[in-house]
Amino acid sequence: QGSHATGAMGGGDGSGAARRGSDPLWLYALYPVALLNYLWINSKPNPFYAILEGRAPATILHEDDLCIVFRDIFPLSSTHLLVIPREHIHSWPKLDPRHAELVEHLHNVGKMVLSQEGVEEDESFFGFMTPPFISVPQLHLHCLRLPLKAKSPMDRIRKGIMLDTSKMMHPERLVRRLNRKRK
């Protein structure tokens, strides 16, 4: 595999994230809060659409016909990038088999830009958040340098969610899932 970190934080399942059973119990209490947040964010203007349309500022590190890459404004590591497809897609559960190539492209672009930022493969982490734990209703791939850092209580919650394989979908696992649906 080589495109994600395992080791101390990895579950060994190719996801690059911690095992589900290793979460503190308080993390499961977040489901109602996450659901309320999910309903709230879906009622607000989408900031990623504004960035994609050039109406909002962002430091674009890469762009092509399929996606753009910029820095997360609330980083959880020294390098925290977001890869956003130009196609308006709510979240990864809304994808169908025709999107497998797009997901591979987003992942490859994320690996390329992380590499340009000086991040080695073995210190890289990739994932799509799972609803209701998404912060913006537009598909976006988190590309981070490990270790993740938590400066505030909210950061600790976000870090716990990111490292939970039930709340974060690794792009390679998603491509396999989409390709299985194709058959």
C-alpha atoms as a PDB file:
ATOM      1  CA  GLN A   1       0.000   0.000   0.000  1.00  0.00           C
ATOM      2  CA  GLY A   2       2.469   2.679   1.154  1.00  0.00           C
ATOM      3  CA  SER A   3       0.141   5.672   0.779  1.00  0.00           C
ATOM      4  CA  HIS A   4      -0.940   5.880   4.376  1.00  0.00           C
ATOM      5  CA  ALA A   5       0.558   5.509   7.797  1.00  0.00           C
ATOM      6  CA  THR A   6       0.038   2.498   9.956  1.00  0.00           C
ATOM      7  CA  GLY A   7       2.077   1.642  13.022  1.00  0.00           C
ATOM      8  CA  ALA A   8       1.041   3.154  16.336  1.00  0.00           C
ATOM      9  CA  MET A   9      -2.032   4.850  14.883  1.00  0.00           C
ATOM     10  CA  GLY A  10      -2.876   2.395  12.152  1.00  0.00           C
ATOM     11  CA  GLY A  11      -5.419  -0.330  12.300  1.00  0.00           C
ATOM     12  CA  GLY A  12      -3.473  -2.599   9.953  1.00  0.00           C
ATOM     13  CA  ASP A  13      -6.523  -2.813   7.707  1.00  0.00           C
ATOM     14  CA  GLY A  14      -5.181  -0.484   5.044  1.00  0.00           C
ATOM     15  CA  SER A  15      -7.209   2.441   6.342  1.00  0.00           C
ATOM     16  CA  GLY A  16      -4.377   4.267   8.081  1.00  0.00           C
ATOM     17  CA  ALA A  17      -6.668   4.850  11.046  1.00  0.00           C
ATOM     18  CA  ALA A  18      -7.050   3.436  14.538  1.00  0.00           C
ATOM     19  CA  ARG A  19      -9.127   0.367  15.294  1.00  0.00           C
ATOM     20  CA  ARG A  20     -12.774   1.067  16.095  1.00  0.00           C
ATOM     21  CA  GLY A  21     -12.543  -0.602  19.506  1.00  0.00           C
ATOM     22  CA  SER A  22      -9.750   1.702  20.666  1.00  0.00           C
ATOM     23  CA  ASP A  23     -11.954   4.812  20.840  1.00  0.00           C
ATOM     24  CA  PRO A  24     -12.734   6.326  24.210  1.00  0.00           C
ATOM     25  CA  LEU A  25     -16.394   5.838  25.069  1.00  0.00           C
ATOM     26  CA  TRP A  26     -17.037   9.605  25.213  1.00  0.00           C
ATOM     27  CA  LEU A  27     -16.468   9.732  21.451  1.00  0.00           C
ATOM     28  CA  TYR A  28     -19.709   7.801  20.875  1.00  0.00           C
ATOM     29  CA  ALA A  29     -21.631  10.462  22.816  1.00  0.00           C
ATOM     30  CA  LEU A  30     -20.813  12.825  19.926  1.00  0.00           C
ATOM     31  CA  TYR A  31     -23.298  11.249  17.516  1.00  0.00           C
ATOM     32  CA  PRO A  32     -26.266  13.465  18.574  1.00  0.00           C
ATOM     33  CA  VAL A  33     -24.054  16.574  18.538  1.00  0.00           C
ATOM     34  CA  ALA A  34     -22.643  15.610  15.135  1.00  0.00           C
ATOM     35  CA  LEU A  35     -26.153  15.056  13.779  1.00  0.00           C
ATOM     36  CA  LEU A  36     -27.284  18.514  14.909  1.00  0.00           C
ATOM     37  CA  ASN A  37     -24.143  20.055  13.400  1.00  0.00           C
ATOM     38  CA  TYR A  38     -24.771  18.130  10.167  1.00  0.00           C
ATOM     39  CA  LEU A  39     -28.305  19.517   9.913  1.00  0.00           C
ATOM     40  CA  TRP A  40     -27.014  23.025  10.646  1.00  0.00           C
ATOM     41  CA  ILE A  41     -24.186  22.980   8.076  1.00  0.00           C
ATOM     42  CA  ASN A  42     -26.548  21.722   5.383  1.00  0.00           C
ATOM     43  CA  SER A  43     -28.694  24.817   5.903  1.00  0.00           C
ATOM     44  CA  LYS A  44     -25.791  27.281   5.422  1.00  0.00           C
ATOM     45  CA  PRO A  45     -24.053  28.538   2.244  1.00  0.00           C
ATOM     46  CA  ASN A  46     -21.286  26.164   1.237  1.00  0.00           C
ATOM     47  CA  PRO A  47     -17.833  27.796   1.611  1.00  0.00           C
ATOM     48  CA  PHE A  48     -16.184  25.217  -0.678  1.00  0.00           C
ATOM     49  CA  TYR A  49     -18.515  26.177  -3.534  1.00  0.00           C
ATOM     50  CA  ALA A  50     -17.427  29.796  -3.038  1.00  0.00           C
ATOM     51  CA  ILE A  51     -13.751  28.749  -3.211  1.00  0.00           C
ATOM     52  CA  LEU A  52     -14.375  26.596  -6.294  1.00  0.00           C
ATOM     53  CA  GLU A  53     -16.118  29.537  -7.972  1.00  0.00           C
ATOM     54  CA  GLY A  54     -13.380  32.026  -6.981  1.00  0.00           C
ATOM     55  CA  ARG A  55     -15.706  34.015  -4.698  1.00  0.00           C
ATOM     56  CA  ALA A  56     -13.834  33.194  -1.465  1.00  0.00           C
ATOM     57  CA  PRO A  57     -10.132  33.408  -0.687  1.00  0.00           C
ATOM     58  CA  ALA A  58      -7.958  30.321  -0.415  1.00  0.00           C
ATOM     59  CA  THR A  59      -4.318  29.568  -1.076  1.00  0.00           C
ATOM     60  CA  ILE A  60      -4.639  27.166  -3.987  1.00  0.00           C
ATOM     61  CA  LEU A  61      -1.694  24.747  -4.063  1.00  0.00           C
ATOM     62  CA  HIS A  62      -2.898  22.792  -7.098  1.00  0.00           C
ATOM     63  CA  GLU A  63      -5.776  22.878  -9.531  1.00  0.00           C
ATOM     64  CA  ASP A  64      -6.767  20.893 -12.575  1.00  0.00           C
ATOM     65  CA  ASP A  65      -9.963  20.076 -14.474  1.00  0.00           C
ATOM     66  CA  LEU A  66     -11.179  17.729 -11.723  1.00  0.00           C
ATOM     67  CA  CYS A  67     -10.111  19.273  -8.410  1.00  0.00           C
ATOM     68  CA  ILE A  68      -8.390  21.947  -6.367  1.00  0.00           C
ATOM     69  CA  VAL A  69      -6.116  21.674  -3.315  1.00  0.00           C
ATOM     70  CA  PHE A  70      -5.799  24.214  -0.523  1.00  0.00           C
ATOM     71  CA  ARG A  71      -4.802  24.340   3.145  1.00  0.00           C
ATOM     72  CA  ASP A  72      -7.365  23.568   5.838  1.00  0.00           C
ATOM     73  CA  ILE A  73      -8.099  26.728   7.836  1.00  0.00           C
ATOM     74  CA  PHE A  74      -8.371  24.630  11.018  1.00  0.00           C
ATOM     75  CA  PRO A  75      -5.310  22.367  10.632  1.00  0.00           C
ATOM     76  CA  LEU A  76      -4.840  19.278  12.773  1.00  0.00           C
ATOM     77  CA  SER A  77      -1.191  18.870  11.803  1.00  0.00           C
ATOM     78  CA  SER A  78       1.751  20.854  10.534  1.00  0.00           C
ATOM     79  CA  THR A  79       0.481  20.078   7.004  1.00  0.00           C
ATOM     80  CA  HIS A  80      -3.280  19.669   6.552  1.00  0.00           C
ATOM     81  CA  LEU A  81      -4.570  19.968   2.985  1.00  0.00           C
ATOM     82  CA  LEU A  82      -8.009  19.510   1.453  1.00  0.00           C
ATOM     83  CA  VAL A  83      -8.576  18.113  -2.040  1.00  0.00           C
ATOM     84  CA  ILE A  84     -11.973  19.195  -3.381  1.00  0.00           C
ATOM     85  CA  PRO A  85     -13.536  17.822  -6.575  1.00  0.00           C
ATOM     86  CA  ARG A  86     -15.014  20.462  -8.883  1.00  0.00           C
ATOM     87  CA  GLU A  87     -18.129  18.303  -9.206  1.00  0.00           C
ATOM     88  CA  HIS A  88     -20.642  19.072  -6.467  1.00  0.00           C
ATOM     89  CA  ILE A  89     -20.868  15.842  -4.464  1.00  0.00           C
ATOM     90  CA  HIS A  90     -22.228  15.950  -0.928  1.00  0.00           C
ATOM     91  CA  SER A  91     -20.095  13.219   0.677  1.00  0.00           C
ATOM     92  CA  TRP A  92     -18.546   9.838  -0.077  1.00  0.00           C
ATOM     93  CA  PRO A  93     -21.755   7.794   0.550  1.00  0.00           C
ATOM     94  CA  LYS A  94     -23.299   9.679  -2.414  1.00  0.00           C
ATOM     95  CA  LEU A  95     -20.654   8.318  -4.812  1.00  0.00           C
ATOM     96  CA  ASP A  96     -21.419   5.585  -7.311  1.00  0.00           C
ATOM     97  CA  PRO A  97     -19.100   3.297  -9.298  1.00  0.00           C
ATOM     98  CA  ARG A  98     -18.479   5.900 -12.015  1.00  0.00           C
ATOM     99  CA  HIS A  99     -16.687   8.015  -9.359  1.00  0.00           C
ATOM    100  CA  ALA A 100     -13.930   5.431  -8.664  1.00  0.00           C
ATOM    101  CA  GLU A 101     -11.530   7.156 -11.081  1.00  0.00           C
ATOM    102  CA  LEU A 102     -12.291  10.547  -9.503  1.00  0.00           C
ATOM    103  CA  VAL A 103     -11.495   9.217  -6.023  1.00  0.00           C
ATOM    104  CA  GLU A 104      -8.213   7.743  -7.319  1.00  0.00           C
ATOM    105  CA  HIS A 105      -7.385  11.099  -8.919  1.00  0.00           C
ATOM    106  CA  LEU A 106      -8.116  13.014  -5.692  1.00  0.00           C
ATOM    107  CA  HIS A 107      -5.903  10.596  -3.757  1.00  0.00           C
ATOM    108  CA  ASN A 108      -3.052  10.792  -6.288  1.00  0.00           C
ATOM    109  CA  VAL A 109      -3.211  14.598  -6.331  1.00  0.00           C
ATOM    110  CA  GLY A 110      -3.226  14.648  -2.524  1.00  0.00           C
ATOM    111  CA  LYS A 111      -0.146  12.395  -2.404  1.00  0.00           C
ATOM    112  CA  MET A 112       1.608  14.580  -4.996  1.00  0.00           C
ATOM    113  CA  VAL A 113       0.934  17.865  -3.186  1.00  0.00           C
ATOM    114  CA  LEU A 114       1.882  16.402   0.206  1.00  0.00           C
ATOM    115  CA  SER A 115       5.142  15.224  -1.359  1.00  0.00           C
ATOM    116  CA  GLN A 116       5.746  18.727  -2.754  1.00  0.00           C
ATOM    117  CA  GLU A 117       5.211  20.000   0.806  1.00  0.00           C
ATOM    118  CA  GLY A 118       8.000  17.691   2.015  1.00  0.00           C
ATOM    119  CA  VAL A 119       5.762  15.049   3.593  1.00  0.00           C
ATOM    120  CA  GLU A 120       7.043  11.468   3.301  1.00  0.00           C
ATOM    121  CA  GLU A 121       4.670   8.621   2.430  1.00  0.00           C
ATOM    122  CA  ASP A 122       5.119   6.948   5.806  1.00  0.00           C
ATOM    123  CA  GLU A 123       3.994  10.110   7.638  1.00  0.00           C
ATOM    124  CA  SER A 124       0.918  10.706   5.442  1.00  0.00           C
ATOM    125  CA  PHE A 125      -2.735  10.251   6.369  1.00  0.00           C
ATOM    126  CA  PHE A 126      -5.709  10.412   3.962  1.00  0.00           C
ATOM    127  CA  GLY A 127      -9.433  10.201   4.494  1.00  0.00           C
ATOM    128  CA  PHE A 128     -12.950  11.343   3.691  1.00  0.00           C
ATOM    129  CA  MET A 129     -15.143  12.124   6.699  1.00  0.00           C
ATOM    130  CA  THR A 130     -18.371  10.141   7.053  1.00  0.00           C
ATOM    131  CA  PRO A 131     -21.697  11.937   7.623  1.00  0.00           C
ATOM    132  CA  PRO A 132     -22.808  13.192  10.063  1.00  0.00           C
ATOM    133  CA  PHE A 133     -19.191  13.970  10.995  1.00  0.00           C
ATOM    134  CA  ILE A 134     -18.523  16.168   7.965  1.00  0.00           C
ATOM    135  CA  SER A 135     -17.928  19.880   8.487  1.00  0.00           C
ATOM    136  CA  VAL A 136     -18.823  21.056   4.954  1.00  0.00           C
ATOM    137  CA  PRO A 137     -21.387  19.340   2.701  1.00  0.00           C
ATOM    138  CA  GLN A 138     -18.992  18.880  -0.220  1.00  0.00           C
ATOM    139  CA  LEU A 139     -16.809  15.835  -0.747  1.00  0.00           C
ATOM    140  CA  HIS A 140     -13.273  16.647   0.383  1.00  0.00           C
ATOM    141  CA  LEU A 141     -10.216  14.515   1.010  1.00  0.00           C
ATOM    142  CA  HIS A 142      -8.186  15.325   4.105  1.00  0.00           C
ATOM    143  CA  CYS A 143      -4.442  14.944   3.463  1.00  0.00           C
ATOM    144  CA  LEU A 144      -2.337  15.312   6.583  1.00  0.00           C
ATOM    145  CA  ARG A 145       1.154  14.886   7.963  1.00  0.00           C
ATOM    146  CA  LEU A 146       1.283  12.664  11.030  1.00  0.00           C
ATOM    147  CA  PRO A 147       1.265  13.057  13.929  1.00  0.00           C
ATOM    148  CA  LEU A 148      -2.015  14.869  14.337  1.00  0.00           C
ATOM    149  CA  LYS A 149      -1.916  17.710  16.866  1.00  0.00           C
ATOM    150  CA  ALA A 150      -4.698  18.793  19.175  1.00  0.00           C
ATOM    151  CA  LYS A 151      -4.294  22.322  20.546  1.00  0.00           C
ATOM    152  CA  SER A 152      -7.827  22.708  21.922  1.00  0.00           C
ATOM    153  CA  PRO A 153     -10.648  20.510  23.241  1.00  0.00           C
ATOM    154  CA  MET A 154     -12.381  20.795  19.825  1.00  0.00           C
ATOM    155  CA  ASP A 155      -9.158  19.694  18.104  1.00  0.00           C
ATOM    156  CA  ARG A 156      -9.018  16.625  20.393  1.00  0.00           C
ATOM    157  CA  ILE A 157     -12.569  15.737  19.342  1.00  0.00           C
ATOM    158  CA  ARG A 158     -11.764  16.236  15.637  1.00  0.00           C
ATOM    159  CA  LYS A 159      -8.571  14.148  16.027  1.00  0.00           C
ATOM    160  CA  GLY A 160     -10.548  11.329  17.688  1.00  0.00           C
ATOM    161  CA  ILE A 161     -13.101  11.375  14.882  1.00  0.00           C
ATOM    162  CA  MET A 162     -10.403  11.371  12.164  1.00  0.00           C
ATOM    163  CA  LEU A 163      -8.661   8.348  13.625  1.00  0.00           C
ATOM    164  CA  ASP A 164     -11.871   6.292  13.882  1.00  0.00           C
ATOM    165  CA  THR A 165     -12.305   4.019  10.852  1.00  0.00           C
ATOM    166  CA  SER A 166     -16.092   4.090  11.271  1.00  0.00           C
ATOM    167  CA  LYS A 167     -16.057   7.869  10.740  1.00  0.00           C
ATOM    168  CA  MET A 168     -13.262   8.202   8.174  1.00  0.00           C
ATOM    169  CA  MET A 169     -13.065   6.472   4.791  1.00  0.00           C
ATOM    170  CA  HIS A 170      -9.609   5.905   3.301  1.00  0.00           C
ATOM    171  CA  PRO A 171      -9.598   6.584  -0.475  1.00  0.00           C
ATOM    172  CA  GLU A 172      -8.138   3.163  -1.388  1.00  0.00           C
ATOM    173  CA  ARG A 173     -10.859   1.425   0.612  1.00  0.00           C
ATOM    174  CA  LEU A 174     -13.478   3.640  -1.045  1.00  0.00           C
ATOM    175  CA  VAL A 175     -12.206   2.802  -4.549  1.00  0.00           C
ATOM    176  CA  ARG A 176     -12.386  -0.929  -3.726  1.00  0.00           C
ATOM    177  CA  ARG A 177     -15.952  -0.465  -2.475  1.00  0.00           C
ATOM    178  CA  LEU A 178     -17.000   1.473  -5.594  1.00  0.00           C
ATOM    179  CA  ASN A 179     -15.395  -1.089  -7.907  1.00  0.00           C
ATOM    180  CA  ARG A 180     -17.228  -3.932  -6.119  1.00  0.00           C
ATOM    181  CA  LYS A 181     -20.520  -2.140  -6.809  1.00  0.00           C
ATOM    182  CA  ARG A 182     -19.591  -1.974 -10.496  1.00  0.00           C
ATOM    183  CA  LYS A 183     -19.596  -5.769 -10.851  1.00  0.00           C
END
